[in-house]
Amino acid sequence: MAAPAAPESAITASLLFAVGSGRVPSNEAPELPAEMTETLAKLLAHQGAENHVARVVEVVRAGLEAVNADSSLTLSAQRYDTLRREFLAETGSAAGRVVWPVGSTTILKRAGGSWNSALVRTGLVASTKTQASGFGRARFTAEQYRTAVRDFARAAARKGGSTSYQNYLAWRRRSQEEGRSDLPSGPSLRKSYGSWSAALQDVEDQTPDAGLTPGSGTTPARQV
């Protein structure tokens, strides 16, 4: 029997489950939409984890309550993957199958390749809520693209490091873990400029004075 496809509610529930891990919902915690509860029951039953439905629903409720109460919450992809692996190991679900919680790669694909966009759609990282967008629409402005590359180039210069594309990916990941939520993904930058070298050249042309103070980003978000 083929695994049921994961609808949007399963994506949202996956992120809320990670946020709610280690939390207990209060008596005032909101109930989950019926469609989400039904989806969770169906997906968990498919992977032989039907005995965990009640607990999963409570954890997802705790996550929803936490997001509603604290709009500064955020969640790194690394932390999400860790919590997902722990749950799959606990329930005996095979990681190689289509299972719930869904994989971070699936979440990224559904959000157009941006982890931050996925978070925003779930109510996380309030500082970017006004910039949230759907598929096919630009999430960042041209100036935000330029600022991201400029801040990265300056950080690399301070440390005497390379401004390679791979180093940008690593720098962006560290910056997000420290609270920045205004940094486009590497693929988005290359698509916007046409190539990574073009992005670097544009910043060099626009900001010849490397001594300018780099942008500080947005208000730091609190890691769950």
Protein backbone atom coordinates (compact mmCIF):
# COMPACT_ATOMS: atom_id res chain seq x y z
CA MET A 1 0.00 0.00 0.00
CA ALA A 2 1.45 3.38 -1.01
CA ALA A 3 2.00 5.98 1.65
CA PRO A 4 -0.51 8.83 1.65
CA ALA A 5 0.91 12.07 0.34
CA ALA A 6 1.65 14.65 2.99
CA PRO A 7 -0.78 17.59 2.71
CA GLU A 8 0.05 21.09 3.90
CA SER A 9 -1.41 20.35 7.32
CA ALA A 10 1.16 17.57 7.77
CA ILE A 11 3.96 20.04 6.99
CA THR A 12 2.63 22.53 9.53
CA ALA A 13 2.08 19.82 12.12
CA SER A 14 5.65 18.58 11.63
CA LEU A 15 7.13 21.98 12.46
CA LEU A 16 4.74 22.53 15.38
CA PHE A 17 5.66 19.09 16.73
CA ALA A 18 9.32 20.11 16.80
CA VAL A 19 8.44 23.36 18.57
CA GLY A 20 6.24 21.53 21.06
CA SER A 21 8.77 18.83 21.90
CA GLY A 22 9.48 18.95 25.61
CA ARG A 23 6.42 21.13 26.27
CA VAL A 24 3.05 20.29 27.78
CA PRO A 25 -0.05 22.12 26.51
CA SER A 26 -2.03 24.08 29.08
CA ASN A 27 -5.78 23.72 29.57
CA GLU A 28 -6.21 26.78 27.38
CA ALA A 29 -4.16 25.37 24.48
CA PRO A 30 -6.08 25.56 21.18
CA GLU A 31 -7.45 22.41 19.66
CA LEU A 32 -6.02 21.35 16.33
CA PRO A 33 -8.14 21.61 13.19
CA ALA A 34 -10.03 18.37 12.60
CA GLU A 35 -8.37 17.94 9.21
CA MET A 36 -4.90 18.11 10.79
CA THR A 37 -5.79 15.57 13.49
CA GLU A 38 -7.23 13.20 10.91
CA THR A 39 -4.15 13.57 8.72
CA LEU A 40 -1.84 12.80 11.63
CA ALA A 41 -3.83 9.71 12.55
CA LYS A 42 -3.73 8.45 8.96
CA LEU A 43 0.00 9.05 8.45
CA LEU A 44 1.02 7.60 11.81
CA ALA A 45 -1.14 4.53 11.27
CA HIS A 46 0.53 3.96 7.90
CA GLN A 47 3.97 3.84 9.52
CA GLY A 48 2.84 1.61 12.39
CA ALA A 49 2.85 4.38 15.00
CA GLU A 50 -0.89 4.58 15.64
CA ASN A 51 -0.31 4.15 19.38
CA HIS A 52 1.44 7.53 19.40
CA VAL A 53 -1.38 9.57 17.87
CA ALA A 54 -2.73 10.96 21.14
CA ARG A 55 0.72 12.03 22.35
CA VAL A 56 1.63 13.56 19.00
CA VAL A 57 -1.57 15.61 18.97
CA GLU A 58 -0.78 16.94 22.44
CA VAL A 59 2.78 17.88 21.45
CA VAL A 60 1.56 19.63 18.29
CA ARG A 61 -1.00 21.52 20.43
CA ALA A 62 1.82 22.55 22.75
CA GLY A 63 3.78 23.80 19.76
CA LEU A 64 0.83 25.80 18.48
CA GLU A 65 0.28 27.30 21.91
CA ALA A 66 3.97 28.24 22.17
CA VAL A 67 3.96 29.92 18.76
CA ASN A 68 0.83 31.88 19.62
CA ALA A 69 2.32 33.01 22.93
CA ASP A 70 5.84 33.87 21.76
CA SER A 71 6.22 35.28 18.26
CA SER A 72 10.02 35.34 18.57
CA LEU A 73 10.35 31.55 18.45
CA THR A 74 12.39 30.04 15.66
CA LEU A 75 13.73 26.62 14.74
CA SER A 76 16.84 25.62 12.82
CA ALA A 77 16.70 22.88 10.21
CA GLN A 78 19.42 21.04 12.13
CA ARG A 79 17.36 21.05 15.33
CA TYR A 80 14.29 19.92 13.39
CA ASP A 81 16.18 17.01 11.83
CA THR A 82 17.47 15.93 15.25
CA LEU A 83 14.00 15.89 16.81
CA ARG A 84 12.59 14.07 13.79
CA ARG A 85 15.25 11.35 13.99
CA GLU A 86 14.57 10.90 17.69
CA PHE A 87 10.84 10.46 17.10
CA LEU A 88 11.33 8.00 14.25
CA ALA A 89 13.77 5.98 16.33
CA GLU A 90 11.39 5.96 19.28
CA THR A 91 8.42 4.81 17.21
CA GLY A 92 10.40 2.35 15.10
CA SER A 93 9.48 4.12 11.86
CA ALA A 94 11.91 3.56 9.00
CA ALA A 95 13.59 6.82 8.04
CA GLY A 96 13.90 5.68 4.43
CA ARG A 97 10.14 5.51 3.94
CA VAL A 98 7.65 8.32 3.47
CA VAL A 99 6.97 9.00 7.12
CA TRP A 100 5.78 11.72 9.45
CA PRO A 101 7.22 14.08 10.63
CA VAL A 102 8.09 14.91 7.04
CA GLY A 103 11.74 15.41 6.11
CA SER A 104 13.29 18.86 6.07
CA THR A 105 13.94 18.46 2.34
CA THR A 106 10.21 18.10 1.73
CA ILE A 107 9.54 21.18 3.87
CA LEU A 108 12.08 23.16 1.86
CA LYS A 109 10.58 22.07 -1.46
CA ARG A 110 7.08 23.03 -0.34
CA ALA A 111 8.36 26.48 0.75
CA GLY A 112 10.21 27.25 -2.47
CA GLY A 113 13.62 26.29 -1.11
CA SER A 114 13.59 28.63 1.89
CA TRP A 115 13.55 27.25 5.43
CA ASN A 116 12.63 30.69 6.75
CA SER A 117 9.61 30.83 4.47
CA ALA A 118 8.46 27.51 5.90
CA LEU A 119 8.84 28.87 9.43
CA VAL A 120 6.96 32.05 8.62
CA ARG A 121 4.06 30.07 7.19
CA THR A 122 3.82 28.28 10.54
CA GLY A 123 3.88 31.49 12.57
CA LEU A 124 7.53 31.34 13.60
CA VAL A 125 10.01 34.24 13.47
CA ALA A 126 7.56 37.12 13.65
CA SER A 127 10.12 39.64 12.38
CA THR A 128 9.67 38.24 8.88
CA LYS A 129 5.91 37.79 8.88
CA THR A 130 5.33 40.87 6.77
CA GLN A 131 7.73 39.48 4.17
CA ALA A 132 6.14 36.06 3.90
CA SER A 133 5.17 35.02 0.40
CA GLY A 134 3.73 32.14 -1.53
CA PHE A 135 5.31 30.06 -4.25
CA GLY A 136 6.71 31.89 -7.23
CA ARG A 137 6.85 35.28 -5.55
CA ALA A 138 10.00 37.11 -4.48
CA ARG A 139 10.45 37.11 -0.72
CA PHE A 140 13.45 39.44 -0.63
CA THR A 141 14.04 42.82 -2.20
CA ALA A 142 17.03 43.62 -4.38
CA GLU A 143 18.56 45.58 -1.52
CA GLN A 144 18.17 42.62 0.85
CA TYR A 145 19.97 40.38 -1.63
CA ARG A 146 22.77 42.93 -1.86
CA THR A 147 22.94 43.36 1.92
CA ALA A 148 23.24 39.60 2.45
CA VAL A 149 26.16 39.29 0.05
CA ARG A 150 27.81 42.44 1.38
CA ASP A 151 27.56 41.32 5.02
CA PHE A 152 28.94 37.91 4.10
CA ALA A 153 31.84 39.42 2.12
CA ARG A 154 32.75 41.69 5.01
CA ALA A 155 32.56 38.83 7.52
CA ALA A 156 34.84 36.77 5.29
CA ALA A 157 37.27 39.68 4.95
CA ARG A 158 37.45 40.16 8.71
CA LYS A 159 38.37 36.51 9.18
CA GLY A 160 40.59 36.27 6.11
CA GLY A 161 38.30 33.62 4.65
CA SER A 162 37.09 32.82 1.16
CA THR A 163 33.95 34.32 -0.36
CA SER A 164 33.06 31.05 -2.05
CA TYR A 165 29.46 29.97 -2.54
CA GLN A 166 29.87 27.08 -0.08
CA ASN A 167 31.21 29.46 2.55
CA TYR A 168 28.16 31.67 2.08
CA LEU A 169 25.91 28.68 2.76
CA ALA A 170 27.81 27.93 5.98
CA TRP A 171 27.83 31.59 7.05
CA ARG A 172 24.09 31.94 6.38
CA ARG A 173 23.36 28.83 8.44
CA ARG A 174 25.39 30.14 11.40
CA SER A 175 23.80 33.58 11.09
CA GLN A 176 20.30 32.10 11.11
CA GLU A 177 21.11 30.09 14.23
CA GLU A 178 22.20 33.37 15.84
CA GLY A 179 18.89 35.01 14.99
CA ARG A 180 19.13 36.55 11.51
CA SER A 181 16.14 35.92 9.30
CA ASP A 182 16.82 38.32 6.43
CA LEU A 183 19.30 36.20 4.46
CA PRO A 184 18.25 34.70 1.11
CA SER A 185 19.22 31.12 0.35
CA GLY A 186 22.24 30.45 -1.84
CA PRO A 187 20.13 29.16 -4.76
CA SER A 188 17.92 32.26 -4.55
CA LEU A 189 20.96 34.53 -4.77
CA ARG A 190 22.40 32.70 -7.75
CA LYS A 191 19.02 32.76 -9.49
CA SER A 192 18.61 36.49 -8.81
CA TYR A 193 22.09 37.46 -10.04
CA GLY A 194 22.62 34.75 -12.61
CA SER A 195 25.72 33.40 -10.88
CA TRP A 196 27.55 33.61 -7.57
CA SER A 197 30.43 35.56 -9.11
CA ALA A 198 27.94 38.12 -10.44
CA ALA A 199 26.51 38.58 -6.96
CA LEU A 200 29.96 39.25 -5.53
CA GLN A 201 30.81 41.62 -8.38
CA ASP A 202 27.60 43.60 -7.88
CA VAL A 203 28.36 44.14 -4.20
CA GLU A 204 31.95 45.11 -4.98
CA ASP A 205 30.73 47.66 -7.53
CA GLN A 206 28.11 49.10 -5.18
CA THR A 207 30.22 49.20 -1.99
CA PRO A 208 33.88 49.84 -2.82
CA ASP A 209 34.53 50.97 0.78
CA ALA A 210 34.98 47.69 2.65
CA GLY A 211 35.22 49.54 5.94
CA LEU A 212 31.52 50.30 6.18
CA THR A 213 29.70 48.77 9.13
CA PRO A 214 27.80 45.66 8.02
CA GLY A 215 24.06 45.45 8.51
CA SER A 216 22.91 44.00 11.78
CA GLY A 217 19.92 42.12 10.42
CA THR A 218 16.62 41.85 12.23
CA THR A 219 15.66 41.49 15.85
CA PRO A 220 17.13 38.23 17.18
CA ALA A 221 14.70 35.36 17.33
CA ARG A 222 14.60 32.91 20.22
CA GLN A 223 15.60 29.35 19.39
CA VAL A 224 13.22 26.63 20.58
